[in-house]
Amino acid sequence: QLQASGGGLVQAGGSLSLSCTAFGRTFSRYAMGWFRQAPGKEREFVTWISWSGETTHFAESVKGRFTISRERSKNQVFLQMNSLKPEDTAVYYCAARFTANGLWSEDDFGAMEYWGKGTQVTVSS
């Protein structure tokens, strides 16, 4: 029900934009976000955006380089990645989880209700 796209190969310092489109139901009242998993590592949180789009949160490792946005009417979430580094190389997953206040806390990271299939991002040095 979530489909991520936009991954690819880019040189360090470059940019990529990922999209996540929801199908089959509306996620307009869901907070949504992105996680990533690098080879040999556990999946980690990257960023989330509230259902309203007014609140965002980023992992320290991407703060200032990544931005997240959403188009609720189109059931889409976007991840703009700038100043990419080789350590950003990973499979990126979008996810959704409903919370009463439309926000996520760290306690929510391990309890996503919906996951998209990942999209590979490779950053060459």
PDB file of N, CA and C in Angstrom:
ATOM      1  N   GLN A   1       0.807  -1.209   0.000  1.00  0.00           N
ATOM      2  CA  GLN A   1       0.000   0.000   0.000  1.00  0.00           C
ATOM      3  C   GLN A   1       0.843   1.262   0.000  1.00  0.00           C
ATOM      4  N   LEU A   2       2.140   1.106   0.240  1.00  0.00           N
ATOM      5  CA  LEU A   2       3.056   2.219   0.119  1.00  0.00           C
ATOM      6  C   LEU A   2       4.104   1.833  -0.912  1.00  0.00           C
ATOM      7  N   GLN A   3       4.384   2.735  -1.806  1.00  0.00           N
ATOM      8  CA  GLN A   3       5.367   2.447  -2.842  1.00  0.00           C
ATOM      9  C   GLN A   3       6.360   3.583  -2.920  1.00  0.00           C
ATOM     10  N   ALA A   4       7.619   3.254  -2.698  1.00  0.00           N
ATOM     11  CA  ALA A   4       8.685   4.244  -2.750  1.00  0.00           C
ATOM     12  C   ALA A   4       9.370   4.180  -4.102  1.00  0.00           C
ATOM     13  N   SER A   5       9.831   5.324  -4.558  1.00  0.00           N
ATOM     14  CA  SER A   5      10.540   5.389  -5.830  1.00  0.00           C
ATOM     15  C   SER A   5      11.520   6.546  -5.799  1.00  0.00           C
ATOM     16  N   GLY A   6      12.413   6.556  -6.784  1.00  0.00           N
ATOM     17  CA  GLY A   6      13.323   7.681  -6.931  1.00  0.00           C
ATOM     18  C   GLY A   6      14.754   7.413  -6.546  1.00  0.00           C
ATOM     19  N   GLY A   7      15.045   6.216  -6.063  1.00  0.00           N
ATOM     20  CA  GLY A   7      16.416   5.907  -5.695  1.00  0.00           C
ATOM     21  C   GLY A   7      17.315   5.822  -6.914  1.00  0.00           C
ATOM     22  N   GLY A   8      18.605   5.702  -6.663  1.00  0.00           N
ATOM     23  CA  GLY A   8      19.550   5.601  -7.755  1.00  0.00           C
ATOM     24  C   GLY A   8      20.963   5.760  -7.272  1.00  0.00           C
ATOM     25  N   LEU A   9      21.843   5.988  -8.248  1.00  0.00           N
ATOM     26  CA  LEU A   9      23.263   6.167  -7.974  1.00  0.00           C
ATOM     27  C   LEU A   9      23.625   7.633  -8.158  1.00  0.00           C
ATOM     28  N   VAL A  10      24.333   8.181  -7.188  1.00  0.00           N
ATOM     29  CA  VAL A  10      24.729   9.580  -7.261  1.00  0.00           C
ATOM     30  C   VAL A  10      26.113   9.732  -6.641  1.00  0.00           C
ATOM     31  N   GLN A  11      26.844  10.714  -7.087  1.00  0.00           N
ATOM     32  CA  GLN A  11      28.155  10.981  -6.493  1.00  0.00           C
ATOM     33  C   GLN A  11      27.999  11.739  -5.179  1.00  0.00           C
ATOM     34  N   ALA A  12      28.979  11.595  -4.333  1.00  0.00           N
ATOM     35  CA  ALA A  12      28.985  12.339  -3.080  1.00  0.00           C
ATOM     36  C   ALA A  12      28.827  13.827  -3.359  1.00  0.00           C
ATOM     37  N   GLY A  13      28.005  14.455  -2.555  1.00  0.00           N
ATOM     38  CA  GLY A  13      27.715  15.872  -2.748  1.00  0.00           C
ATOM     39  C   GLY A  13      26.498  16.132  -3.604  1.00  0.00           C
ATOM     40  N   GLY A  14      26.011  15.092  -4.250  1.00  0.00           N
ATOM     41  CA  GLY A  14      24.862  15.231  -5.124  1.00  0.00           C
ATOM     42  C   GLY A  14      23.545  15.153  -4.375  1.00  0.00           C
ATOM     43  N   SER A  15      22.471  15.141  -5.144  1.00  0.00           N
ATOM     44  CA  SER A  15      21.120  15.149  -4.584  1.00  0.00           C
ATOM     45  C   SER A  15      20.264  14.074  -5.216  1.00  0.00           C
ATOM     46  N   LEU A  16      19.301  13.606  -4.456  1.00  0.00           N
ATOM     47  CA  LEU A  16      18.286  12.690  -4.944  1.00  0.00           C
ATOM     48  C   LEU A  16      16.968  13.030  -4.272  1.00  0.00           C
ATOM     49  N   SER A  17      15.886  12.736  -4.951  1.00  0.00           N
ATOM     50  CA  SER A  17      14.565  12.953  -4.376  1.00  0.00           C
ATOM     51  C   SER A  17      13.798  11.646  -4.407  1.00  0.00           C
ATOM     52  N   LEU A  18      13.277  11.249  -3.284  1.00  0.00           N
ATOM     53  CA  LEU A  18      12.475  10.038  -3.183  1.00  0.00           C
ATOM     54  C   LEU A  18      11.002  10.410  -3.026  1.00  0.00           C
ATOM     55  N   SER A  19      10.156   9.543  -3.549  1.00  0.00           N
ATOM     56  CA  SER A  19       8.720   9.721  -3.397  1.00  0.00           C
ATOM     57  C   SER A  19       8.121   8.468  -2.793  1.00  0.00           C
ATOM     58  N   CYS A  20       7.067   8.650  -2.043  1.00  0.00           N
ATOM     59  CA  CYS A  20       6.313   7.528  -1.488  1.00  0.00           C
ATOM     60  C   CYS A  20       4.848   7.799  -1.772  1.00  0.00           C
ATOM     61  N   THR A  21       4.233   6.883  -2.494  1.00  0.00           N
ATOM     62  CA  THR A  21       2.832   7.034  -2.844  1.00  0.00           C
ATOM     63  C   THR A  21       2.029   5.944  -2.166  1.00  0.00           C
ATOM     64  N   ALA A  22       0.934   6.341  -1.556  1.00  0.00           N
ATOM     65  CA  ALA A  22       0.061   5.384  -0.878  1.00  0.00           C
ATOM     66  C   ALA A  22      -1.085   5.000  -1.795  1.00  0.00           C
ATOM     67  N   PHE A  23      -1.388   3.723  -1.801  1.00  0.00           N
ATOM     68  CA  PHE A  23      -2.473   3.200  -2.620  1.00  0.00           C
ATOM     69  C   PHE A  23      -3.455   2.438  -1.744  1.00  0.00           C
ATOM     70  N   GLY A  24      -4.679   2.443  -2.149  1.00  0.00           N
ATOM     71  CA  GLY A  24      -5.671   1.569  -1.514  1.00  0.00           C
ATOM     72  C   GLY A  24      -6.401   2.176  -0.342  1.00  0.00           C
ATOM     73  N   ARG A  25      -5.834   3.222   0.249  1.00  0.00           N
ATOM     74  CA  ARG A  25      -6.509   3.898   1.337  1.00  0.00           C
ATOM     75  C   ARG A  25      -5.878   5.265   1.474  1.00  0.00           C
ATOM     76  N   THR A  26      -6.514   6.114   2.251  1.00  0.00           N
ATOM     77  CA  THR A  26      -5.952   7.429   2.474  1.00  0.00           C
ATOM     78  C   THR A  26      -5.096   7.435   3.739  1.00  0.00           C
ATOM     79  N   PHE A  27      -3.962   8.105   3.656  1.00  0.00           N
ATOM     80  CA  PHE A  27      -3.079   8.235   4.794  1.00  0.00           C
ATOM     81  C   PHE A  27      -3.015   9.686   5.263  1.00  0.00           C
ATOM     82  N   SER A  28      -4.034  10.446   4.926  1.00  0.00           N
ATOM     83  CA  SER A  28      -3.989  11.876   5.229  1.00  0.00           C
ATOM     84  C   SER A  28      -3.962  12.160   6.724  1.00  0.00           C
ATOM     85  N   ARG A  29      -4.431  11.209   7.536  1.00  0.00           N
ATOM     86  CA  ARG A  29      -4.420  11.407   8.988  1.00  0.00           C
ATOM     87  C   ARG A  29      -3.276  10.647   9.663  1.00  0.00           C
ATOM     88  N   TYR A  30      -2.372  10.107   8.858  1.00  0.00           N
ATOM     89  CA  TYR A  30      -1.241   9.356   9.380  1.00  0.00           C
ATOM     90  C   TYR A  30       0.025  10.214   9.344  1.00  0.00           C
ATOM     91  N   ALA A  31       0.813  10.136  10.399  1.00  0.00           N
ATOM     92  CA  ALA A  31       2.181  10.619  10.286  1.00  0.00           C
ATOM     93  C   ALA A  31       2.943   9.616   9.427  1.00  0.00           C
ATOM     94  N   MET A  32       3.871  10.112   8.654  1.00  0.00           N
ATOM     95  CA  MET A  32       4.625   9.240   7.750  1.00  0.00           C
ATOM     96  C   MET A  32       6.095   9.584   7.825  1.00  0.00           C
ATOM     97  N   GLY A  33       6.907   8.646   7.412  1.00  0.00           N
ATOM     98  CA  GLY A  33       8.331   8.909   7.527  1.00  0.00           C
ATOM     99  C   GLY A  33       9.160   7.989   6.671  1.00  0.00           C
ATOM    100  N   TRP A  34      10.469   8.129   6.847  1.00  0.00           N
ATOM    101  CA  TRP A  34      11.432   7.340   6.096  1.00  0.00           C
ATOM    102  C   TRP A  34      12.424   6.689   7.069  1.00  0.00           C
ATOM    103  N   PHE A  35      12.766   5.460   6.745  1.00  0.00           N
ATOM    104  CA  PHE A  35      13.805   4.723   7.438  1.00  0.00           C
ATOM    105  C   PHE A  35      14.781   4.230   6.379  1.00  0.00           C
ATOM    106  N   ARG A  36      15.951   3.791   6.826  1.00  0.00           N
ATOM    107  CA  ARG A  36      16.904   3.239   5.869  1.00  0.00           C
ATOM    108  C   ARG A  36      17.686   2.096   6.503  1.00  0.00           C
ATOM    109  N   GLN A  37      18.166   1.238   5.649  1.00  0.00           N
ATOM    110  CA  GLN A  37      18.960   0.102   6.117  1.00  0.00           C
ATOM    111  C   GLN A  37      20.162  -0.067   5.212  1.00  0.00           C
ATOM    112  N   ALA A  38      21.327   0.106   5.793  1.00  0.00           N
ATOM    113  CA  ALA A  38      22.578  -0.076   5.072  1.00  0.00           C
ATOM    114  C   ALA A  38      23.002  -1.545   5.171  1.00  0.00           C
ATOM    115  N   PRO A  39      23.814  -2.006   4.252  1.00  0.00           N
ATOM    116  CA  PRO A  39      24.263  -3.411   4.288  1.00  0.00           C
ATOM    117  C   PRO A  39      24.916  -3.756   5.621  1.00  0.00           C
ATOM    118  N   GLY A  40      24.457  -4.841   6.214  1.00  0.00           N
ATOM    119  CA  GLY A  40      25.040  -5.301   7.462  1.00  0.00           C
ATOM    120  C   GLY A  40      24.630  -4.524   8.689  1.00  0.00           C
ATOM    121  N   LYS A  41      23.707  -3.586   8.523  1.00  0.00           N
ATOM    122  CA  LYS A  41      23.272  -2.763   9.660  1.00  0.00           C
ATOM    123  C   LYS A  41      21.783  -2.901   9.876  1.00  0.00           C
ATOM    124  N   GLU A  42      21.338  -2.499  11.047  1.00  0.00           N
ATOM    125  CA  GLU A  42      19.915  -2.509  11.338  1.00  0.00           C
ATOM    126  C   GLU A  42      19.240  -1.312  10.668  1.00  0.00           C
ATOM    127  N   ARG A  43      17.956  -1.472  10.456  1.00  0.00           N
ATOM    128  CA  ARG A  43      17.195  -0.364   9.891  1.00  0.00           C
ATOM    129  C   ARG A  43      17.162   0.784  10.900  1.00  0.00           C
ATOM    130  N   GLU A  44      17.312   1.991  10.402  1.00  0.00           N
ATOM    131  CA  GLU A  44      17.356   3.144  11.290  1.00  0.00           C
ATOM    132  C   GLU A  44      16.390   4.220  10.812  1.00  0.00           C
ATOM    133  N   PHE A  45      15.953   5.010  11.757  1.00  0.00           N
ATOM    134  CA  PHE A  45      15.054   6.129  11.473  1.00  0.00           C
ATOM    135  C   PHE A  45      15.796   7.227  10.739  1.00  0.00           C
ATOM    136  N   VAL A  46      15.118   7.870   9.790  1.00  0.00           N
ATOM    137  CA  VAL A  46      15.693   8.998   9.065  1.00  0.00           C
ATOM    138  C   VAL A  46      14.908  10.279   9.349  1.00  0.00           C
ATOM    139  N   THR A  47      13.602  10.240   9.106  1.00  0.00           N
ATOM    140  CA  THR A  47      12.797  11.444   9.271  1.00  0.00           C
ATOM    141  C   THR A  47      11.329  11.095   9.307  1.00  0.00           C
ATOM    142  N   TRP A  48      10.504  11.973   9.934  1.00  0.00           N
ATOM    143  CA  TRP A  48       9.067  11.813   9.867  1.00  0.00           C
ATOM    144  C   TRP A  48       8.404  13.176   9.724  1.00  0.00           C
ATOM    145  N   ILE A  49       7.156  13.118   9.262  1.00  0.00           N
ATOM    146  CA  ILE A  49       6.367  14.325   9.099  1.00  0.00           C
ATOM    147  C   ILE A  49       4.982  14.059   9.655  1.00  0.00           C
ATOM    148  N   SER A  50       4.427  15.017  10.354  1.00  0.00           N
ATOM    149  CA  SER A  50       3.114  14.862  10.965  1.00  0.00           C
ATOM    150  C   SER A  50       2.029  14.803   9.900  1.00  0.00           C
ATOM    151  N   TRP A  51       0.844  14.371  10.305  1.00  0.00           N
ATOM    152  CA  TRP A  51      -0.236  14.262   9.337  1.00  0.00           C
ATOM    153  C   TRP A  51      -0.563  15.616   8.726  1.00  0.00           C
ATOM    154  N   SER A  52      -0.412  16.677   9.494  1.00  0.00           N
ATOM    155  CA  SER A  52      -0.722  18.014   8.987  1.00  0.00           C
ATOM    156  C   SER A  52       0.396  18.564   8.105  1.00  0.00           C
ATOM    157  N   GLY A  53       1.579  17.992   8.236  1.00  0.00           N
ATOM    158  CA  GLY A  53       2.724  18.512   7.505  1.00  0.00           C
ATOM    159  C   GLY A  53       3.430  19.645   8.216  1.00  0.00           C
ATOM    160  N   GLU A  54       2.932  20.014   9.388  1.00  0.00           N
ATOM    161  CA  GLU A  54       3.484  21.173  10.082  1.00  0.00           C
ATOM    162  C   GLU A  54       4.678  20.827  10.957  1.00  0.00           C
ATOM    163  N   THR A  55       4.812  19.555  11.305  1.00  0.00           N
ATOM    164  CA  THR A  55       5.896  19.148  12.198  1.00  0.00           C
ATOM    165  C   THR A  55       6.749  18.099  11.499  1.00  0.00           C
ATOM    166  N   THR A  56       8.054  18.289  11.583  1.00  0.00           N
ATOM    167  CA  THR A  56       8.994  17.320  11.027  1.00  0.00           C
ATOM    168  C   THR A  56      10.089  17.043  12.044  1.00  0.00           C
ATOM    169  N   HIS A  57      10.737  15.923  11.869  1.00  0.00           N
ATOM    170  CA  HIS A  57      11.834  15.550  12.770  1.00  0.00           C
ATOM    171  C   HIS A  57      12.846  14.747  11.968  1.00  0.00           C
ATOM    172  N   PHE A  58      14.129  14.978  12.264  1.00  0.00           N
ATOM    173  CA  PHE A  58      15.188  14.336  11.493  1.00  0.00           C
ATOM    174  C   PHE A  58      16.209  13.689  12.418  1.00  0.00           C
ATOM    175  N   ALA A  59      16.775  12.601  11.939  1.00  0.00           N
ATOM    176  CA  ALA A  59      17.920  12.033  12.622  1.00  0.00           C
ATOM    177  C   ALA A  59      19.071  13.023  12.534  1.00  0.00           C
ATOM    178  N   GLU A  60      19.919  13.032  13.543  1.00  0.00           N
ATOM    179  CA  GLU A  60      21.037  13.973  13.563  1.00  0.00           C
ATOM    180  C   GLU A  60      21.932  13.815  12.341  1.00  0.00           C
ATOM    181  N   SER A  61      22.059  12.602  11.872  1.00  0.00           N
ATOM    182  CA  SER A  61      22.966  12.333  10.762  1.00  0.00           C
ATOM    183  C   SER A  61      22.533  12.964   9.451  1.00  0.00           C
ATOM    184  N   VAL A  62      21.255  13.353   9.339  1.00  0.00           N
ATOM    185  CA  VAL A  62      20.766  13.929   8.082  1.00  0.00           C
ATOM    186  C   VAL A  62      20.255  15.348   8.250  1.00  0.00           C
ATOM    187  N   LYS A  63      20.221  15.823   9.469  1.00  0.00           N
ATOM    188  CA  LYS A  63      19.681  17.156   9.732  1.00  0.00           C
ATOM    189  C   LYS A  63      20.459  18.207   8.954  1.00  0.00           C
ATOM    190  N   GLY A  64      19.711  19.094   8.320  1.00  0.00           N
ATOM    191  CA  GLY A  64      20.319  20.139   7.519  1.00  0.00           C
ATOM    192  C   GLY A  64      20.602  19.741   6.087  1.00  0.00           C
ATOM    193  N   ARG A  65      20.523  18.455   5.792  1.00  0.00           N
ATOM    194  CA  ARG A  65      20.774  17.982   4.424  1.00  0.00           C
ATOM    195  C   ARG A  65      19.516  17.414   3.779  1.00  0.00           C
ATOM    196  N   PHE A  66      18.644  16.826   4.576  1.00  0.00           N
ATOM    197  CA  PHE A  66      17.424  16.206   4.067  1.00  0.00           C
ATOM    198  C   PHE A  66      16.213  17.041   4.454  1.00  0.00           C
ATOM    199  N   THR A  67      15.223  17.044   3.596  1.00  0.00           N
ATOM    200  CA  THR A  67      13.942  17.645   3.933  1.00  0.00           C
ATOM    201  C   THR A  67      12.826  16.669   3.577  1.00  0.00           C
ATOM    202  N   ILE A  68      11.755  16.737   4.326  1.00  0.00           N
ATOM    203  CA  ILE A  68      10.598  15.885   4.079  1.00  0.00           C
ATOM    204  C   ILE A  68       9.385  16.769   3.880  1.00  0.00           C
ATOM    205  N   SER A  69       8.527  16.365   2.982  1.00  0.00           N
ATOM    206  CA  SER A  69       7.298  17.109   2.734  1.00  0.00           C
ATOM    207  C   SER A  69       6.217  16.110   2.321  1.00  0.00           C
ATOM    208  N   ARG A  70       4.994  16.579   2.292  1.00  0.00           N
ATOM    209  CA  ARG A  70       3.910  15.700   1.878  1.00  0.00           C
ATOM    210  C   ARG A  70       2.842  16.468   1.130  1.00  0.00           C
ATOM    211  N   GLU A  71       2.163  15.739   0.275  1.00  0.00           N
ATOM    212  CA  GLU A  71       1.010  16.244  -0.451  1.00  0.00           C
ATOM    213  C   GLU A  71      -0.151  15.345  -0.053  1.00  0.00           C
ATOM    214  N   ARG A  72      -0.920  15.794   0.936  1.00  0.00           N
ATOM    215  CA  ARG A  72      -1.947  14.936   1.506  1.00  0.00           C
ATOM    216  C   ARG A  72      -3.011  14.584   0.482  1.00  0.00           C
ATOM    217  N   SER A  73      -3.363  15.527  -0.357  1.00  0.00           N
ATOM    218  CA  SER A  73      -4.430  15.272  -1.326  1.00  0.00           C
ATOM    219  C   SER A  73      -4.044  14.186  -2.324  1.00  0.00           C
ATOM    220  N   LYS A  74      -2.732  13.983  -2.508  1.00  0.00           N
ATOM    221  CA  LYS A  74      -2.254  12.974  -3.458  1.00  0.00           C
ATOM    222  C   LYS A  74      -1.688  11.756  -2.744  1.00  0.00           C
ATOM    223  N   ASN A  75      -1.824  11.725  -1.414  1.00  0.00           N
ATOM    224  CA  ASN A  75      -1.320  10.579  -0.654  1.00  0.00           C
ATOM    225  C   ASN A  75       0.167  10.345  -0.921  1.00  0.00           C
ATOM    226  N   GLN A  76       0.938  11.416  -0.946  1.00  0.00           N
ATOM    227  CA  GLN A  76       2.361  11.298  -1.248  1.00  0.00           C
ATOM    228  C   GLN A  76       3.227  11.973  -0.192  1.00  0.00           C
ATOM    229  N   VAL A  77       4.388  11.375   0.015  1.00  0.00           N
ATOM    230  CA  VAL A  77       5.410  11.944   0.883  1.00  0.00           C
ATOM    231  C   VAL A  77       6.714  11.989   0.090  1.00  0.00           C
ATOM    232  N   PHE A  78       7.481  13.037   0.305  1.00  0.00           N
ATOM    233  CA  PHE A  78       8.695  13.234  -0.467  1.00  0.00           C
ATOM    234  C   PHE A  78       9.888  13.393   0.464  1.00  0.00           C
ATOM    235  N   LEU A  79      11.021  12.889   0.017  1.00  0.00           N
ATOM    236  CA  LEU A  79      12.270  13.053   0.751  1.00  0.00           C
ATOM    237  C   LEU A  79      13.299  13.648  -0.199  1.00  0.00           C
ATOM    238  N   GLN A  80      13.698  14.870   0.080  1.00  0.00           N
ATOM    239  CA  GLN A  80      14.734  15.531  -0.703  1.00  0.00           C
ATOM    240  C   GLN A  80      16.051  15.380   0.029  1.00  0.00           C
ATOM    241  N   MET A  81      17.009  14.776  -0.643  1.00  0.00           N
ATOM    242  CA  MET A  81      18.301  14.493  -0.025  1.00  0.00           C
ATOM    243  C   MET A  81      19.382  15.276  -0.748  1.00  0.00           C
ATOM    244  N   ASN A  82      20.018  16.177  -0.041  1.00  0.00           N
ATOM    245  CA  ASN A  82      21.093  16.999  -0.602  1.00  0.00           C
ATOM    246  C   ASN A  82      22.406  16.699   0.101  1.00  0.00           C
ATOM    247  N   SER A  83      23.480  17.127  -0.516  1.00  0.00           N
ATOM    248  CA  SER A  83      24.818  16.927   0.059  1.00  0.00           C
ATOM    249  C   SER A  83      25.018  15.490   0.511  1.00  0.00           C
ATOM    250  N   LEU A  84      24.674  14.581  -0.363  1.00  0.00           N
ATOM    251  CA  LEU A  84      24.724  13.164  -0.014  1.00  0.00           C
ATOM    252  C   LEU A  84      26.143  12.693   0.254  1.00  0.00           C
ATOM    253  N   LYS A  85      26.256  11.763   1.177  1.00  0.00           N
ATOM    254  CA  LYS A  85      27.534  11.200   1.580  1.00  0.00           C
ATOM    255  C   LYS A  85      27.514   9.693   1.327  1.00  0.00           C
ATOM    256  N   PRO A  86      28.672   9.094   1.170  1.00  0.00           N
ATOM    257  CA  PRO A  86      28.692   7.632   0.987  1.00  0.00           C
ATOM    258  C   PRO A  86      27.981   6.886   2.107  1.00  0.00           C
ATOM    259  N   GLU A  87      28.019   7.424   3.309  1.00  0.00           N
ATOM    260  CA  GLU A  87      27.351   6.750   4.427  1.00  0.00           C
ATOM    261  C   GLU A  87      25.832   6.845   4.366  1.00  0.00           C
ATOM    262  N   ASP A  88      25.304   7.592   3.422  1.00  0.00           N
ATOM    263  CA  ASP A  88      23.857   7.614   3.190  1.00  0.00           C
ATOM    264  C   ASP A  88      23.404   6.438   2.331  1.00  0.00           C
ATOM    265  N   THR A  89      24.353   5.693   1.817  1.00  0.00           N
ATOM    266  CA  THR A  89      24.017   4.530   0.996  1.00  0.00           C
ATOM    267  C   THR A  89      23.207   3.527   1.803  1.00  0.00           C
ATOM    268  N   ALA A  90      22.045   3.184   1.292  1.00  0.00           N
ATOM    269  CA  ALA A  90      21.137   2.282   2.010  1.00  0.00           C
ATOM    270  C   ALA A  90      19.907   2.030   1.156  1.00  0.00           C
ATOM    271  N   VAL A  91      19.112   1.084   1.601  1.00  0.00           N
ATOM    272  CA  VAL A  91      17.763   0.933   1.059  1.00  0.00           C
ATOM    273  C   VAL A  91      16.851   1.802   1.919  1.00  0.00           C
ATOM    274  N   TYR A  92      16.101   2.655   1.273  1.00  0.00           N
ATOM    275  CA  TYR A  92      15.232   3.595   1.969  1.00  0.00           C
ATOM    276  C   TYR A  92      13.792   3.103   1.903  1.00  0.00           C
ATOM    277  N   TYR A  93      13.125   3.135   3.048  1.00  0.00           N
ATOM    278  CA  TYR A  93      11.752   2.665   3.175  1.00  0.00           C
ATOM    279  C   TYR A  93      10.852   3.788   3.684  1.00  0.00           C
ATOM    280  N   CYS A  94       9.680   3.915   3.091  1.00  0.00           N
ATOM    281  CA  CYS A  94       8.699   4.807   3.686  1.00  0.00           C
ATOM    282  C   CYS A  94       7.776   4.002   4.585  1.00  0.00           C
ATOM    283  N   ALA A  95       7.194   4.683   5.549  1.00  0.00           N
ATOM    284  CA  ALA A  95       6.365   4.006   6.535  1.00  0.00           C
ATOM    285  C   ALA A  95       5.270   4.936   7.025  1.00  0.00           C
ATOM    286  N   ALA A  96       4.236   4.346   7.576  1.00  0.00           N
ATOM    287  CA  ALA A  96       3.118   5.122   8.103  1.00  0.00           C
ATOM    288  C   ALA A  96       2.639   4.502   9.404  1.00  0.00           C
ATOM    289  N   ARG A  97       2.250   5.369  10.303  1.00  0.00           N
ATOM    290  CA  ARG A  97       1.678   4.923  11.576  1.00  0.00           C
ATOM    291  C   ARG A  97       0.700   5.980  12.058  1.00  0.00           C
ATOM    292  N   PHE A  98      -0.464   5.532  12.438  1.00  0.00           N
ATOM    293  CA  PHE A  98      -1.472   6.444  12.959  1.00  0.00           C
ATOM    294  C   PHE A  98      -1.244   6.655  14.450  1.00  0.00           C
ATOM    295  N   THR A  99      -1.256   7.907  14.866  1.00  0.00           N
ATOM    296  CA  THR A  99      -1.253   8.241  16.286  1.00  0.00           C
ATOM    297  C   THR A  99      -2.339   9.280  16.520  1.00  0.00           C
ATOM    298  N   ALA A 100      -2.831   9.324  17.733  1.00  0.00           N
ATOM    299  CA  ALA A 100      -3.970  10.198  18.024  1.00  0.00           C
ATOM    300  C   ALA A 100      -3.641  11.675  17.787  1.00  0.00           C
ATOM    301  N   ASN A 101      -2.401  12.052  18.086  1.00  0.00           N
ATOM    302  CA  ASN A 101      -2.036  13.466  17.930  1.00  0.00           C
ATOM    303  C   ASN A 101      -1.336  13.750  16.607  1.00  0.00           C
ATOM    304  N   GLY A 102      -1.241  12.732  15.762  1.00  0.00           N
ATOM    305  CA  GLY A 102      -0.640  12.955  14.446  1.00  0.00           C
ATOM    306  C   GLY A 102       0.856  13.102  14.445  1.00  0.00           C
ATOM    307  N   LEU A 103       1.494  12.797  15.592  1.00  0.00           N
ATOM    308  CA  LEU A 103       2.939  12.923  15.725  1.00  0.00           C
ATOM    309  C   LEU A 103       3.538  11.579  16.095  1.00  0.00           C
ATOM    310  N   TRP A 104       4.843  11.444  15.874  1.00  0.00           N
ATOM    311  CA  TRP A 104       5.557  10.246  16.305  1.00  0.00           C
ATOM    312  C   TRP A 104       6.490  10.586  17.454  1.00  0.00           C
ATOM    313  N   SER A 105       6.706   9.617  18.315  1.00  0.00           N
ATOM    314  CA  SER A 105       7.807   9.670  19.253  1.00  0.00           C
ATOM    315  C   SER A 105       8.724   8.504  18.924  1.00  0.00           C
ATOM    316  N   GLU A 106       9.857   8.436  19.598  1.00  0.00           N
ATOM    317  CA  GLU A 106      10.779   7.327  19.331  1.00  0.00           C
ATOM    318  C   GLU A 106      10.130   5.987  19.622  1.00  0.00           C
ATOM    319  N   ASP A 107       9.176   5.976  20.526  1.00  0.00           N
ATOM    320  CA  ASP A 107       8.478   4.724  20.840  1.00  0.00           C
ATOM    321  C   ASP A 107       7.693   4.187  19.650  1.00  0.00           C
ATOM    322  N   ASP A 108       7.374   5.078  18.718  1.00  0.00           N
ATOM    323  CA  ASP A 108       6.592   4.662  17.554  1.00  0.00           C
ATOM    324  C   ASP A 108       7.454   4.040  16.471  1.00  0.00           C
ATOM    325  N   PHE A 109       8.779   4.271  16.532  1.00  0.00           N
ATOM    326  CA  PHE A 109       9.641   3.865  15.422  1.00  0.00           C
ATOM    327  C   PHE A 109       9.609   2.363  15.182  1.00  0.00           C
ATOM    328  N   GLY A 110       9.426   1.592  16.240  1.00  0.00           N
ATOM    329  CA  GLY A 110       9.414   0.146  16.105  1.00  0.00           C
ATOM    330  C   GLY A 110       8.042  -0.438  15.883  1.00  0.00           C
ATOM    331  N   ALA A 111       7.060   0.420  15.613  1.00  0.00           N
ATOM    332  CA  ALA A 111       5.679  -0.057  15.519  1.00  0.00           C
ATOM    333  C   ALA A 111       4.958   0.513  14.306  1.00  0.00           C
ATOM    334  N   MET A 112       5.665   0.614  13.209  1.00  0.00           N
ATOM    335  CA  MET A 112       5.030   1.123  12.004  1.00  0.00           C
ATOM    336  C   MET A 112       3.936   0.165  11.534  1.00  0.00           C
ATOM    337  N   GLU A 113       2.838   0.720  11.080  1.00  0.00           N
ATOM    338  CA  GLU A 113       1.722  -0.096  10.624  1.00  0.00           C
ATOM    339  C   GLU A 113       1.859  -0.482   9.163  1.00  0.00           C
ATOM    340  N   TYR A 114       2.457   0.389   8.399  1.00  0.00           N
ATOM    341  CA  TYR A 114       2.592   0.147   6.973  1.00  0.00           C
ATOM    342  C   TYR A 114       4.010   0.455   6.530  1.00  0.00           C
ATOM    343  N   TRP A 115       4.525  -0.409   5.686  1.00  0.00           N
ATOM    344  CA  TRP A 115       5.857  -0.231   5.112  1.00  0.00           C
ATOM    345  C   TRP A 115       5.768  -0.320   3.598  1.00  0.00           C
ATOM    346  N   GLY A 116       6.552   0.499   2.943  1.00  0.00           N
ATOM    347  CA  GLY A 116       6.701   0.365   1.511  1.00  0.00           C
ATOM    348  C   GLY A 116       7.888  -0.523   1.192  1.00  0.00           C
ATOM    349  N   LYS A 117       7.923  -1.034  -0.004  1.00  0.00           N
ATOM    350  CA  LYS A 117       9.121  -1.722  -0.454  1.00  0.00           C
ATOM    351  C   LYS A 117      10.224  -0.680  -0.608  1.00  0.00           C
ATOM    352  N   GLY A 118      11.396  -1.047  -0.314  1.00  0.00           N
ATOM    353  CA  GLY A 118      12.482  -0.095  -0.298  1.00  0.00           C
ATOM    354  C   GLY A 118      12.955   0.318  -1.679  1.00  0.00           C
ATOM    355  N   THR A 119      13.666   1.415  -1.701  1.00  0.00           N
ATOM    356  CA  THR A 119      14.314   1.883  -2.917  1.00  0.00           C
ATOM    357  C   THR A 119      15.786   2.132  -2.595  1.00  0.00           C
ATOM    358  N   GLN A 120      16.653   1.651  -3.476  1.00  0.00           N
ATOM    359  CA  GLN A 120      18.095   1.696  -3.212  1.00  0.00           C
ATOM    360  C   GLN A 120      18.660   3.073  -3.525  1.00  0.00           C
ATOM    361  N   VAL A 121      19.427   3.592  -2.582  1.00  0.00           N
ATOM    362  CA  VAL A 121      20.187   4.823  -2.788  1.00  0.00           C
ATOM    363  C   VAL A 121      21.661   4.481  -2.606  1.00  0.00           C
ATOM    364  N   THR A 122      22.444   4.766  -3.616  1.00  0.00           N
ATOM    365  CA  THR A 122      23.876   4.490  -3.569  1.00  0.00           C
ATOM    366  C   THR A 122      24.635   5.784  -3.833  1.00  0.00           C
ATOM    367  N   VAL A 123      25.513   6.128  -2.915  1.00  0.00           N
ATOM    368  CA  VAL A 123      26.304   7.345  -3.043  1.00  0.00           C
ATOM    369  C   VAL A 123      27.764   6.947  -3.191  1.00  0.00           C
ATOM    370  N   SER A 124      28.339   7.284  -4.309  1.00  0.00           N
ATOM    371  CA  SER A 124      29.736   6.928  -4.573  1.00  0.00           C
ATOM    372  C   SER A 124      30.665   8.049  -4.113  1.00  0.00           C
ATOM    373  N   SER A 125      31.840   7.645  -3.674  1.00  0.00           N
ATOM    374  CA  SER A 125      32.810   8.637  -3.174  1.00  0.00           C
ATOM    375  C   SER A 125      33.680   9.162  -4.283  1.00  0.00           C
TER     376      SER A 125
END
